[in-house]
């Protein structure tokens, strides 16, 4: 236990426990530890912190320091997760920008009936054969849109 109190630096002490920890409700304290060290990185970021995990040997005490190799792996995993989130956020912004541009383009398109031509007659598709060569107006719906090109 001597090394637990030997925190002369201003590093934050974080406790994690696979057995008793909880990533949803834990706060990293000794009484409410996190379940995983990765959650500690998510909660506190890259700040300097000392992470303690469950001791494998009960005679040495309840907590032991997270090994450097484990800490390095978890930090790499955290940084990769952070990069993925930034990439997905950037992708969402680009998609929103693209959607906005397409919407503005679509607003520019205006469909008007040509007044110089005779007015179109509203018919059903099944009667289209009788109106060959004439202006007609047909209402309908699309079962499935399959986009091609842009």
N, C-alpha and C. Protein backbone atom coordinates (compact mmCIF):
# COMPACT_ATOMS: atom_id res chain seq x y z
N UNK A 1 0.81 -1.19 0.00
CA UNK A 1 0.00 0.00 0.00
C UNK A 1 0.85 1.26 0.00
N UNK A 2 2.14 1.14 0.28
CA UNK A 2 3.00 2.31 0.34
C UNK A 2 3.04 3.04 -1.00
N UNK A 3 3.06 2.27 -2.08
CA UNK A 3 3.18 2.93 -3.38
C UNK A 3 1.89 3.65 -3.78
N UNK A 4 0.74 3.29 -3.17
CA UNK A 4 -0.50 3.99 -3.46
C UNK A 4 -0.47 5.40 -2.89
N UNK A 5 0.07 5.56 -1.70
CA UNK A 5 0.13 6.88 -1.09
C UNK A 5 1.31 7.70 -1.63
N UNK A 6 2.23 7.07 -2.32
CA UNK A 6 3.42 7.75 -2.82
C UNK A 6 3.11 8.44 -4.15
N UNK A 7 2.10 9.26 -4.17
CA UNK A 7 1.71 9.99 -5.37
C UNK A 7 2.16 11.44 -5.22
N UNK A 8 3.46 11.67 -5.35
CA UNK A 8 4.01 13.00 -5.15
C UNK A 8 3.69 13.93 -6.32
N UNK A 9 3.44 13.36 -7.50
CA UNK A 9 3.08 14.20 -8.65
C UNK A 9 1.59 14.52 -8.59
N UNK A 10 1.16 15.36 -9.47
CA UNK A 10 -0.25 15.76 -9.50
C UNK A 10 -1.07 14.90 -10.45
N UNK A 11 -0.68 13.65 -10.63
CA UNK A 11 -1.43 12.75 -11.50
C UNK A 11 -2.74 12.34 -10.84
N UNK A 12 -3.73 12.13 -11.66
CA UNK A 12 -5.04 11.71 -11.16
C UNK A 12 -5.03 10.21 -10.94
N UNK A 13 -5.51 9.77 -9.78
CA UNK A 13 -5.59 8.35 -9.47
C UNK A 13 -6.92 7.80 -9.96
N UNK A 14 -6.86 6.77 -10.79
CA UNK A 14 -8.05 6.13 -11.34
C UNK A 14 -8.02 4.66 -10.96
N UNK A 15 -9.15 4.14 -10.52
CA UNK A 15 -9.25 2.73 -10.14
C UNK A 15 -10.18 2.01 -11.10
N UNK A 16 -9.75 0.81 -11.53
CA UNK A 16 -10.58 -0.02 -12.39
C UNK A 16 -10.63 -1.42 -11.80
N UNK A 17 -11.78 -2.05 -11.93
CA UNK A 17 -11.96 -3.39 -11.39
C UNK A 17 -12.83 -4.20 -12.33
N UNK A 18 -12.29 -5.31 -12.82
CA UNK A 18 -13.07 -6.20 -13.68
C UNK A 18 -14.21 -6.84 -12.89
N UNK A 19 -14.00 -7.08 -11.61
CA UNK A 19 -15.01 -7.76 -10.79
C UNK A 19 -16.09 -6.81 -10.29
N UNK A 20 -15.68 -5.68 -9.73
CA UNK A 20 -16.62 -4.80 -9.03
C UNK A 20 -16.88 -3.48 -9.76
N UNK A 21 -16.19 -3.25 -10.85
CA UNK A 21 -16.32 -1.97 -11.53
C UNK A 21 -17.56 -1.87 -12.40
N UNK A 22 -17.88 -0.63 -12.77
CA UNK A 22 -19.03 -0.37 -13.62
C UNK A 22 -18.70 0.83 -14.49
N UNK A 23 -18.70 0.63 -15.82
CA UNK A 23 -18.36 1.72 -16.73
C UNK A 23 -19.47 2.76 -16.83
N UNK A 24 -20.71 2.36 -16.58
CA UNK A 24 -21.82 3.31 -16.69
C UNK A 24 -21.92 4.20 -15.46
N UNK A 25 -21.82 3.61 -14.28
CA UNK A 25 -22.05 4.36 -13.05
C UNK A 25 -20.77 4.68 -12.27
N UNK A 26 -19.66 4.07 -12.64
CA UNK A 26 -18.42 4.31 -11.92
C UNK A 26 -17.85 5.68 -12.21
N UNK A 27 -17.06 6.18 -11.25
CA UNK A 27 -16.41 7.47 -11.45
C UNK A 27 -14.89 7.39 -11.35
N UNK A 28 -14.37 6.18 -11.22
CA UNK A 28 -12.92 6.00 -11.16
C UNK A 28 -12.35 6.10 -9.77
N UNK A 29 -13.19 6.30 -8.78
CA UNK A 29 -12.69 6.37 -7.40
C UNK A 29 -12.51 4.95 -6.87
N UNK A 30 -11.92 4.86 -5.70
CA UNK A 30 -11.68 3.54 -5.11
C UNK A 30 -12.99 2.87 -4.72
N UNK A 31 -13.98 3.66 -4.36
CA UNK A 31 -15.27 3.08 -3.97
C UNK A 31 -16.15 2.76 -5.17
N UNK A 32 -16.03 3.53 -6.25
CA UNK A 32 -16.82 3.29 -7.47
C UNK A 32 -15.87 3.21 -8.67
N UNK A 33 -15.15 2.10 -8.80
CA UNK A 33 -14.17 2.01 -9.89
C UNK A 33 -14.83 1.78 -11.25
N UNK A 34 -14.07 2.10 -12.30
CA UNK A 34 -14.49 1.76 -13.66
C UNK A 34 -14.28 0.27 -13.86
N UNK A 35 -14.95 -0.29 -14.85
CA UNK A 35 -14.75 -1.70 -15.16
C UNK A 35 -13.49 -1.89 -16.01
N UNK A 36 -13.24 -0.97 -16.94
CA UNK A 36 -12.10 -1.09 -17.85
C UNK A 36 -11.24 0.17 -17.80
N UNK A 37 -9.95 0.03 -18.03
CA UNK A 37 -9.08 1.22 -18.10
C UNK A 37 -9.41 2.10 -19.31
N UNK A 38 -9.98 1.49 -20.36
CA UNK A 38 -10.35 2.27 -21.55
C UNK A 38 -11.39 3.33 -21.19
N UNK A 39 -12.30 3.00 -20.31
CA UNK A 39 -13.31 3.97 -19.87
C UNK A 39 -12.66 5.15 -19.16
N UNK A 40 -11.59 4.90 -18.44
CA UNK A 40 -10.86 5.99 -17.77
C UNK A 40 -10.30 6.95 -18.82
N UNK A 41 -9.76 6.40 -19.90
CA UNK A 41 -9.25 7.26 -20.97
C UNK A 41 -10.39 8.03 -21.64
N UNK A 42 -11.53 7.37 -21.84
CA UNK A 42 -12.68 8.05 -22.44
C UNK A 42 -13.16 9.19 -21.54
N UNK A 43 -13.16 8.96 -20.24
CA UNK A 43 -13.67 9.93 -19.28
C UNK A 43 -12.71 11.12 -19.12
N UNK A 44 -11.42 10.84 -18.96
CA UNK A 44 -10.46 11.89 -18.62
C UNK A 44 -9.52 12.26 -19.76
N UNK A 45 -9.59 11.57 -20.88
CA UNK A 45 -8.76 11.91 -22.03
C UNK A 45 -7.30 11.58 -21.80
N UNK A 46 -6.44 12.39 -22.40
CA UNK A 46 -5.00 12.14 -22.35
C UNK A 46 -4.33 12.77 -21.14
N UNK A 47 -5.10 13.20 -20.16
CA UNK A 47 -4.49 13.81 -18.98
C UNK A 47 -3.62 12.79 -18.27
N UNK A 48 -2.67 13.30 -17.54
CA UNK A 48 -1.79 12.39 -16.81
C UNK A 48 -2.57 11.75 -15.67
N UNK A 49 -2.57 10.44 -15.66
CA UNK A 49 -3.29 9.72 -14.62
C UNK A 49 -2.58 8.42 -14.32
N UNK A 50 -2.77 7.97 -13.11
CA UNK A 50 -2.22 6.69 -12.68
C UNK A 50 -3.41 5.74 -12.53
N UNK A 51 -3.36 4.64 -13.27
CA UNK A 51 -4.48 3.71 -13.27
C UNK A 51 -4.11 2.48 -12.44
N UNK A 52 -4.99 2.15 -11.51
CA UNK A 52 -4.84 0.95 -10.70
C UNK A 52 -5.89 -0.06 -11.11
N UNK A 53 -5.48 -1.34 -11.15
CA UNK A 53 -6.40 -2.43 -11.49
C UNK A 53 -6.48 -3.40 -10.33
N UNK A 54 -7.37 -4.39 -10.45
CA UNK A 54 -7.48 -5.43 -9.42
C UNK A 54 -6.14 -6.14 -9.27
N UNK A 55 -5.75 -6.38 -8.05
CA UNK A 55 -4.50 -7.09 -7.79
C UNK A 55 -4.70 -8.58 -8.05
N UNK A 56 -3.73 -9.18 -8.73
CA UNK A 56 -3.80 -10.62 -8.98
C UNK A 56 -3.39 -11.40 -7.73
N UNK A 57 -2.55 -10.78 -6.93
CA UNK A 57 -2.09 -11.41 -5.69
C UNK A 57 -2.72 -10.66 -4.51
N UNK A 58 -3.63 -11.31 -3.82
CA UNK A 58 -4.36 -10.68 -2.71
C UNK A 58 -3.45 -10.28 -1.55
N UNK A 59 -2.28 -10.91 -1.44
CA UNK A 59 -1.36 -10.60 -0.33
C UNK A 59 -0.69 -9.24 -0.52
N UNK A 60 -0.60 -8.77 -1.77
CA UNK A 60 0.05 -7.49 -2.04
C UNK A 60 -0.90 -6.31 -1.83
N UNK A 61 -2.16 -6.58 -1.69
CA UNK A 61 -3.16 -5.52 -1.51
C UNK A 61 -4.27 -5.67 -2.54
N UNK A 62 -5.23 -4.77 -2.45
CA UNK A 62 -6.39 -4.86 -3.34
C UNK A 62 -6.08 -4.32 -4.74
N UNK A 63 -5.20 -3.34 -4.84
CA UNK A 63 -4.92 -2.69 -6.12
C UNK A 63 -3.45 -2.85 -6.50
N UNK A 64 -3.22 -2.87 -7.81
CA UNK A 64 -1.85 -2.83 -8.32
C UNK A 64 -1.84 -1.92 -9.54
N UNK A 65 -0.67 -1.37 -9.80
CA UNK A 65 -0.51 -0.43 -10.89
C UNK A 65 -0.68 -1.12 -12.24
N UNK A 66 -1.33 -0.46 -13.18
CA UNK A 66 -1.49 -0.98 -14.53
C UNK A 66 -0.12 -1.04 -15.19
N UNK A 67 0.23 -2.17 -15.79
CA UNK A 67 1.56 -2.30 -16.39
C UNK A 67 1.71 -1.35 -17.57
N UNK A 68 2.95 -1.01 -17.89
CA UNK A 68 3.21 -0.05 -18.96
C UNK A 68 2.75 -0.58 -20.31
N UNK A 69 2.92 -1.89 -20.55
CA UNK A 69 2.48 -2.45 -21.83
C UNK A 69 0.96 -2.41 -21.96
N UNK A 70 0.25 -2.71 -20.88
CA UNK A 70 -1.20 -2.63 -20.91
C UNK A 70 -1.64 -1.18 -21.13
N UNK A 71 -1.00 -0.26 -20.43
CA UNK A 71 -1.34 1.15 -20.56
C UNK A 71 -1.10 1.63 -22.00
N UNK A 72 -0.01 1.18 -22.59
CA UNK A 72 0.31 1.57 -23.96
C UNK A 72 -0.74 1.03 -24.93
N UNK A 73 -1.13 -0.23 -24.76
CA UNK A 73 -2.15 -0.83 -25.63
C UNK A 73 -3.48 -0.10 -25.51
N UNK A 74 -3.85 0.21 -24.29
CA UNK A 74 -5.13 0.88 -24.06
C UNK A 74 -5.09 2.30 -24.62
N UNK A 75 -3.96 2.97 -24.47
CA UNK A 75 -3.84 4.33 -25.00
C UNK A 75 -3.92 4.32 -26.52
N UNK A 76 -3.28 3.33 -27.16
CA UNK A 76 -3.35 3.20 -28.62
C UNK A 76 -4.80 2.94 -29.05
N UNK A 77 -5.47 2.06 -28.33
CA UNK A 77 -6.87 1.75 -28.63
C UNK A 77 -7.74 3.00 -28.47
N UNK A 78 -7.50 3.78 -27.43
CA UNK A 78 -8.25 5.01 -27.19
C UNK A 78 -8.01 6.02 -28.31
N UNK A 79 -6.74 6.18 -28.72
CA UNK A 79 -6.42 7.14 -29.78
C UNK A 79 -7.03 6.71 -31.11
N UNK A 80 -7.04 5.40 -31.38
CA UNK A 80 -7.66 4.91 -32.61
C UNK A 80 -9.17 5.17 -32.59
N UNK A 81 -9.78 4.93 -31.46
CA UNK A 81 -11.22 5.18 -31.30
C UNK A 81 -11.51 6.67 -31.51
N UNK A 82 -10.65 7.50 -30.97
CA UNK A 82 -10.81 8.96 -31.09
C UNK A 82 -10.69 9.40 -32.56
N UNK A 83 -9.70 8.83 -33.27
CA UNK A 83 -9.53 9.14 -34.69
C UNK A 83 -10.75 8.71 -35.50
N UNK A 84 -11.28 7.53 -35.19
CA UNK A 84 -12.46 7.04 -35.91
C UNK A 84 -13.65 7.97 -35.68
N UNK A 85 -13.82 8.44 -34.45
CA UNK A 85 -14.92 9.36 -34.16
C UNK A 85 -14.74 10.67 -34.92
N UNK A 86 -13.51 11.18 -34.98
CA UNK A 86 -13.25 12.41 -35.71
C UNK A 86 -13.54 12.22 -37.19
N UNK A 87 -13.09 11.07 -37.74
CA UNK A 87 -13.35 10.78 -39.15
C UNK A 87 -14.84 10.70 -39.44
N UNK A 88 -15.58 10.00 -38.57
CA UNK A 88 -17.02 9.86 -38.81
C UNK A 88 -17.72 11.21 -38.67
N UNK A 89 -17.27 12.03 -37.73
CA UNK A 89 -17.84 13.37 -37.56
C UNK A 89 -17.56 14.21 -38.81
N UNK A 90 -16.34 14.13 -39.32
CA UNK A 90 -15.97 14.86 -40.53
C UNK A 90 -16.80 14.38 -41.71
N UNK A 91 -17.01 13.07 -41.82
CA UNK A 91 -17.81 12.49 -42.90
C UNK A 91 -19.26 12.98 -42.81
N UNK A 92 -19.80 13.04 -41.60
CA UNK A 92 -21.17 13.54 -41.41
C UNK A 92 -21.28 14.99 -41.86
N UNK A 93 -20.28 15.80 -41.52
CA UNK A 93 -20.30 17.21 -41.94
C UNK A 93 -20.25 17.33 -43.45
N UNK A 94 -19.40 16.52 -44.09
CA UNK A 94 -19.30 16.55 -45.55
C UNK A 94 -20.61 16.09 -46.19
N UNK A 95 -21.22 15.05 -45.64
CA UNK A 95 -22.50 14.57 -46.17
C UNK A 95 -23.58 15.63 -46.04
N UNK A 96 -23.61 16.30 -44.90
CA UNK A 96 -24.59 17.36 -44.69
C UNK A 96 -24.37 18.50 -45.68
N UNK A 97 -23.11 18.84 -45.92
CA UNK A 97 -22.77 19.89 -46.88
C UNK A 97 -23.22 19.49 -48.28
N UNK A 98 -22.94 18.23 -48.65
CA UNK A 98 -23.34 17.72 -49.96
C UNK A 98 -24.86 17.73 -50.12
N UNK A 99 -25.58 17.29 -49.08
CA UNK A 99 -27.04 17.30 -49.12
C UNK A 99 -27.58 18.71 -49.29
N UNK A 100 -26.96 19.65 -48.57
CA UNK A 100 -27.39 21.05 -48.66
C UNK A 100 -27.18 21.59 -50.07
N UNK A 101 -26.04 21.26 -50.69
CA UNK A 101 -25.77 21.71 -52.05
C UNK A 101 -26.77 21.12 -53.04
N UNK A 102 -27.08 19.83 -52.88
CA UNK A 102 -28.05 19.19 -53.78
C UNK A 102 -29.44 19.78 -53.60
N UNK A 103 -29.79 20.12 -52.37
CA UNK A 103 -31.08 20.74 -52.10
C UNK A 103 -31.17 22.11 -52.77
N UNK A 104 -30.09 22.89 -52.68
CA UNK A 104 -30.06 24.20 -53.34
C UNK A 104 -30.16 24.04 -54.86
N UNK A 105 -29.48 23.03 -55.41
CA UNK A 105 -29.58 22.76 -56.85
C UNK A 105 -31.00 22.40 -57.24
N UNK A 106 -31.63 21.57 -56.42
CA UNK A 106 -32.99 21.13 -56.71
C UNK A 106 -33.98 22.29 -56.62
N UNK A 107 -33.72 23.26 -55.74
CA UNK A 107 -34.62 24.41 -55.62
C UNK A 107 -34.56 25.29 -56.87
N UNK A 108 -33.47 25.26 -57.59
CA UNK A 108 -33.31 26.08 -58.79
C UNK A 108 -34.15 25.54 -59.96
N UNK A 109 -34.45 24.26 -59.93
CA UNK A 109 -35.21 23.64 -61.02
C UNK A 109 -36.70 23.95 -60.82
N UNK A 110 -37.29 24.60 -61.81
CA UNK A 110 -38.71 24.95 -61.75
C UNK A 110 -39.39 24.36 -62.99
N UNK A 111 -40.42 23.58 -62.77
CA UNK A 111 -41.15 22.96 -63.87
C UNK A 111 -42.45 23.74 -64.07
N UNK A 112 -42.61 24.28 -65.29
CA UNK A 112 -43.82 25.04 -65.63
C UNK A 112 -44.42 24.47 -66.91
N UNK A 113 -45.73 24.56 -67.00
CA UNK A 113 -46.40 24.13 -68.22
C UNK A 113 -46.28 25.24 -69.25
N UNK A 114 -45.95 24.87 -70.47
CA UNK A 114 -45.78 25.84 -71.55
C UNK A 114 -47.16 26.38 -71.96
N UNK A 115 -47.40 27.69 -71.78
CA UNK A 115 -48.73 28.24 -72.10
C UNK A 115 -49.02 28.30 -73.60
N UNK A 116 -48.00 28.25 -74.44
CA UNK A 116 -48.23 28.33 -75.88
C UNK A 116 -48.78 27.03 -76.45
N UNK A 117 -48.62 25.93 -75.76
CA UNK A 117 -49.14 24.64 -76.21
C UNK A 117 -50.53 24.41 -75.62
N UNK A 118 -51.31 23.52 -76.24
CA UNK A 118 -52.63 23.24 -75.66
C UNK A 118 -52.49 22.58 -74.29
N UNK A 119 -53.47 22.78 -73.42
CA UNK A 119 -53.36 22.21 -72.07
C UNK A 119 -53.35 20.68 -72.10
N UNK A 120 -52.63 20.09 -71.17
CA UNK A 120 -52.52 18.64 -71.10
C UNK A 120 -53.78 18.06 -70.48
N UNK A 121 -54.19 16.91 -71.00
CA UNK A 121 -55.38 16.23 -70.48
C UNK A 121 -54.96 15.22 -69.42
N UNK A 122 -55.68 15.18 -68.32
CA UNK A 122 -55.36 14.22 -67.25
C UNK A 122 -56.01 12.89 -67.59
N UNK A 123 -55.18 11.84 -67.68
CA UNK A 123 -55.69 10.51 -68.02
C UNK A 123 -55.08 9.46 -67.10
N UNK A 124 -55.62 8.26 -67.18
CA UNK A 124 -55.03 7.12 -66.48
C UNK A 124 -54.10 6.42 -67.46
N UNK A 125 -53.09 5.76 -66.94
CA UNK A 125 -52.08 5.12 -67.79
C UNK A 125 -52.71 4.08 -68.71
N UNK A 126 -53.73 3.37 -68.25
CA UNK A 126 -54.32 2.31 -69.07
C UNK A 126 -55.00 2.85 -70.33
N UNK A 127 -55.32 4.15 -70.36
CA UNK A 127 -55.93 4.75 -71.55
C UNK A 127 -54.92 5.49 -72.42
N UNK A 128 -53.66 5.36 -72.15
CA UNK A 128 -52.62 6.11 -72.85
C UNK A 128 -52.57 5.78 -74.34
N UNK A 129 -52.97 4.57 -74.74
CA UNK A 129 -52.94 4.15 -76.14
C UNK A 129 -53.86 5.03 -77.00
N UNK A 130 -54.97 5.44 -76.45
CA UNK A 130 -55.95 6.26 -77.18
C UNK A 130 -55.48 7.71 -77.35
N UNK A 131 -54.50 8.15 -76.57
CA UNK A 131 -54.04 9.53 -76.61
C UNK A 131 -52.64 9.65 -77.22
N UNK A 132 -52.31 8.77 -78.12
CA UNK A 132 -50.99 8.77 -78.75
C UNK A 132 -50.79 10.06 -79.55
N UNK A 133 -49.69 10.78 -79.26
CA UNK A 133 -49.37 12.01 -79.98
C UNK A 133 -50.01 13.25 -79.38
N UNK A 134 -50.76 13.13 -78.30
CA UNK A 134 -51.40 14.28 -77.66
C UNK A 134 -50.71 14.56 -76.32
N UNK A 135 -50.92 15.78 -75.82
CA UNK A 135 -50.36 16.14 -74.51
C UNK A 135 -51.24 15.57 -73.42
N UNK A 136 -50.59 14.82 -72.52
CA UNK A 136 -51.33 14.21 -71.42
C UNK A 136 -50.61 14.47 -70.10
N UNK A 137 -51.38 14.37 -69.02
CA UNK A 137 -50.82 14.50 -67.68
C UNK A 137 -51.22 13.24 -66.93
N UNK A 138 -50.21 12.56 -66.37
CA UNK A 138 -50.45 11.29 -65.69
C UNK A 138 -49.92 11.40 -64.27
N UNK A 139 -50.74 10.98 -63.30
CA UNK A 139 -50.31 10.92 -61.91
C UNK A 139 -49.99 9.48 -61.57
N UNK A 140 -49.00 9.27 -60.75
CA UNK A 140 -48.65 7.92 -60.34
C UNK A 140 -47.69 7.95 -59.17
N UNK A 141 -47.23 6.79 -58.81
CA UNK A 141 -46.29 6.68 -57.71
C UNK A 141 -45.18 5.72 -58.10
N UNK A 142 -44.05 5.84 -57.46
CA UNK A 142 -42.90 5.01 -57.76
C UNK A 142 -42.78 3.95 -56.68
N UNK A 143 -42.73 2.69 -57.13
CA UNK A 143 -42.61 1.59 -56.17
C UNK A 143 -41.21 1.57 -55.56
N UNK A 144 -40.20 1.70 -56.39
CA UNK A 144 -38.83 1.66 -55.91
C UNK A 144 -37.97 2.57 -56.79
N UNK A 145 -37.24 3.46 -56.14
CA UNK A 145 -36.35 4.36 -56.88
C UNK A 145 -34.97 3.73 -56.89
N UNK A 146 -34.44 3.57 -58.08
CA UNK A 146 -33.07 3.06 -58.21
C UNK A 146 -32.24 4.18 -58.83
N UNK A 147 -31.42 4.78 -58.01
CA UNK A 147 -30.62 5.92 -58.47
C UNK A 147 -29.45 5.45 -59.32
N UNK A 148 -29.18 6.21 -60.36
CA UNK A 148 -28.02 5.95 -61.21
C UNK A 148 -27.30 7.27 -61.43
N UNK A 149 -26.00 7.21 -61.58
CA UNK A 149 -25.24 8.43 -61.81
C UNK A 149 -25.03 9.20 -60.54
N UNK A 150 -25.29 10.51 -60.59
CA UNK A 150 -25.08 11.37 -59.42
C UNK A 150 -25.88 10.85 -58.29
